[in-house]
């Protein structure tokens, strides 16, 4: 009889430990590769905390109208695109950053070039284009360029965002 009781105790201990380990692994998996936004500059550039180092990140393949470049006037649609990104990518929000094998790692301003994935798995770069806040920036190769061009074609046809009132 005591041996059967010990087996039950071991069974419940092992089951409990496996459950706790599984929950920890799930939390780790969901947070792994996620970086906390520390600043939003404009519609297509943010800064993230990468293990204690702040990195500026430029969104691959999406180009929003300018709002902060001191050499240029504020462009049509820029304030709206910037406001949209400020609303959805606030400091403290965690995003997944993914490099593109066809793209360079950094641009000429030394910003990381990345796809920005939200916690729900959606691709923010493409979302900006789909909603008309950005144009597909296809001046260099990247793997999602066809998808981004198609999103731009749809946004333009539907006259969303910059396609409705900016004369592009």
Protein backbone atom coordinates (compact mmCIF):
# COMPACT_ATOMS: atom_id res chain seq x y z
CA UNK A 1 0.00 0.00 0.00
CA UNK A 2 2.73 2.64 0.81
CA UNK A 3 4.40 1.93 -2.56
CA UNK A 4 1.15 2.76 -4.44
CA UNK A 5 0.82 6.01 -2.47
CA UNK A 6 4.42 7.00 -3.31
CA UNK A 7 3.78 6.32 -7.02
CA UNK A 8 0.76 8.63 -6.95
CA UNK A 9 2.76 11.35 -5.23
CA UNK A 10 5.57 11.02 -7.80
CA UNK A 11 3.02 11.07 -10.62
CA UNK A 12 1.43 14.30 -9.35
CA UNK A 13 4.82 15.92 -8.67
CA UNK A 14 6.11 15.09 -12.13
CA UNK A 15 2.85 16.19 -13.77
CA UNK A 16 2.92 19.47 -11.84
CA UNK A 17 6.54 20.14 -12.77
CA UNK A 18 5.84 19.42 -16.43
CA UNK A 19 2.86 21.75 -16.35
CA UNK A 20 4.91 24.56 -14.81
CA UNK A 21 7.76 23.95 -17.28
CA UNK A 22 5.29 24.04 -20.18
CA UNK A 23 3.77 27.33 -19.01
CA UNK A 24 7.21 28.88 -18.59
CA UNK A 25 8.26 27.66 -22.04
CA UNK A 26 5.10 29.14 -23.58
CA UNK A 27 5.75 32.51 -21.92
CA UNK A 28 9.39 32.41 -23.01
CA UNK A 29 8.38 31.51 -26.58
CA UNK A 30 5.88 34.39 -26.73
CA UNK A 31 8.41 36.92 -25.41
CA UNK A 32 11.53 35.58 -27.18
CA UNK A 33 12.62 37.95 -29.92
CA UNK A 34 10.23 40.65 -28.72
CA UNK A 35 11.73 44.08 -28.12
CA UNK A 36 10.30 46.99 -26.17
CA UNK A 37 9.73 50.21 -28.09
CA UNK A 38 11.37 53.18 -26.37
CA UNK A 39 10.58 55.92 -28.91
CA UNK A 40 8.54 56.54 -32.05
CA UNK A 41 10.10 59.07 -34.41
CA UNK A 42 7.65 59.15 -37.30
CA UNK A 43 5.52 56.82 -39.39
CA UNK A 44 8.30 54.41 -40.36
CA UNK A 45 11.05 54.72 -37.75
CA UNK A 46 11.14 53.66 -34.10
CA UNK A 47 13.73 52.95 -31.42
CA UNK A 48 13.76 49.72 -29.43
CA UNK A 49 15.62 48.44 -26.41
CA UNK A 50 17.70 45.48 -27.57
CA UNK A 51 19.09 44.00 -24.38
CA UNK A 52 20.07 47.37 -22.94
CA UNK A 53 21.12 48.98 -26.23
CA UNK A 54 18.78 51.45 -27.92
CA UNK A 55 18.61 50.83 -31.67
CA UNK A 56 16.88 52.95 -34.29
CA UNK A 57 14.82 50.74 -36.60
CA UNK A 58 13.58 51.66 -40.09
CA UNK A 59 10.66 49.61 -41.45
CA UNK A 60 11.67 47.51 -44.47
CA UNK A 61 9.67 48.26 -47.62
CA UNK A 62 7.36 50.94 -46.20
CA UNK A 63 7.92 54.64 -46.77
CA UNK A 64 5.68 57.14 -45.00
CA UNK A 65 5.64 60.81 -45.96
CA UNK A 66 8.22 62.91 -44.11
CA UNK A 67 7.45 64.79 -40.92
CA UNK A 68 10.77 65.17 -39.06
CA UNK A 69 13.49 65.53 -41.71
CA UNK A 70 14.87 69.07 -41.17
CA UNK A 71 15.87 69.27 -44.85
CA UNK A 72 12.31 68.69 -46.09
CA UNK A 73 8.92 70.26 -45.58
CA UNK A 74 6.26 68.16 -43.87
CA UNK A 75 4.75 66.07 -46.67
CA UNK A 76 1.08 65.42 -47.38
CA UNK A 77 -0.12 62.48 -45.30
CA UNK A 78 2.94 62.56 -43.06
CA UNK A 79 1.24 63.81 -39.89
CA UNK A 80 -1.50 61.18 -40.29
CA UNK A 81 1.00 58.36 -40.83
CA UNK A 82 3.09 59.52 -37.88
CA UNK A 83 0.00 59.78 -35.67
CA UNK A 84 -1.07 56.25 -36.66
CA UNK A 85 2.32 54.80 -35.76
CA UNK A 86 2.47 56.82 -32.52
CA UNK A 87 -0.95 55.41 -31.63
CA UNK A 88 -0.14 51.76 -32.38
CA UNK A 89 3.55 51.49 -31.52
CA UNK A 90 3.73 53.39 -28.25
CA UNK A 91 6.74 53.23 -25.97
CA UNK A 92 6.47 50.06 -23.91
CA UNK A 93 4.79 48.03 -26.67
CA UNK A 94 6.75 44.90 -27.55
CA UNK A 95 7.35 43.97 -31.20
CA UNK A 96 9.18 41.20 -33.01
CA UNK A 97 11.90 42.41 -35.38
CA UNK A 98 12.79 40.28 -38.40
CA UNK A 99 15.59 40.92 -40.86
CA UNK A 100 15.18 40.16 -44.55
CA UNK A 101 17.78 37.93 -46.22
CA UNK A 102 17.65 40.02 -49.42
CA UNK A 103 18.00 43.36 -47.65
CA UNK A 104 21.03 44.89 -46.02
CA UNK A 105 21.12 44.87 -42.23
CA UNK A 106 21.38 48.67 -41.91
CA UNK A 107 20.61 51.70 -44.04
CA UNK A 108 22.94 54.61 -44.81
CA UNK A 109 21.92 56.27 -41.52
CA UNK A 110 22.96 53.13 -39.59
CA UNK A 111 19.36 52.26 -38.67
CA UNK A 112 18.47 48.58 -38.47
CA UNK A 113 16.22 47.53 -41.36
CA UNK A 114 13.50 45.21 -40.07
CA UNK A 115 10.01 43.87 -40.53
CA UNK A 116 7.92 44.83 -37.50
CA UNK A 117 5.57 42.11 -36.26
CA UNK A 118 2.97 42.88 -33.62
CA UNK A 119 2.09 40.49 -30.79
CA UNK A 120 -0.91 39.23 -32.78
CA UNK A 121 1.46 38.19 -35.60
CA UNK A 122 0.44 40.91 -38.05
CA UNK A 123 3.11 42.61 -40.15
CA UNK A 124 3.02 46.31 -39.32
CA UNK A 125 5.05 47.41 -42.38
CA UNK A 126 2.43 45.94 -44.72
CA UNK A 127 -0.41 47.27 -42.56
CA UNK A 128 0.83 50.83 -43.11
CA UNK A 129 0.78 50.29 -46.88
CA UNK A 130 -2.61 48.55 -46.85
CA UNK A 131 -4.16 51.49 -44.99
CA UNK A 132 -2.57 54.05 -47.30
CA UNK A 133 -0.26 55.56 -44.69
CA UNK A 134 2.85 54.44 -46.61
CA UNK A 135 4.01 53.67 -50.11
CA UNK A 136 5.75 50.41 -50.95
CA UNK A 137 9.44 51.30 -50.95
CA UNK A 138 10.76 48.94 -53.62
CA UNK A 139 14.01 50.69 -54.58
CA UNK A 140 15.96 47.72 -53.24
CA UNK A 141 15.25 43.98 -53.13
CA UNK A 142 13.35 42.39 -50.25
CA UNK A 143 11.33 39.18 -50.08
CA UNK A 144 7.92 40.74 -49.46
CA UNK A 145 8.13 43.33 -52.26
CA UNK A 146 5.39 41.68 -54.36
CA UNK A 147 3.02 41.59 -51.37
CA UNK A 148 3.78 45.21 -50.54
CA UNK A 149 3.25 46.32 -54.17
CA UNK A 150 -0.10 44.50 -54.22
CA UNK A 151 -1.11 46.20 -50.94
CA UNK A 152 -0.20 49.57 -52.44
CA UNK A 153 -2.19 48.86 -55.61
CA UNK A 154 -5.24 48.01 -53.48
CA UNK A 155 -4.83 51.10 -51.26
CA UNK A 156 -4.46 53.30 -54.33
CA UNK A 157 -7.51 51.81 -56.05
CA UNK A 158 -9.56 52.27 -52.86
CA UNK A 159 -8.18 55.83 -52.44
CA UNK A 160 -7.07 55.19 -48.86
CA UNK A 161 -4.72 57.50 -46.98
CA UNK A 162 -2.18 59.30 -49.16
CA UNK A 163 -4.00 57.98 -52.24
CA UNK A 164 -7.12 59.97 -51.37
CA UNK A 165 -5.84 63.51 -51.08
CA UNK A 166 -2.12 63.81 -51.75
CA UNK A 167 -2.11 63.74 -55.53
CA UNK A 168 0.28 60.81 -55.79
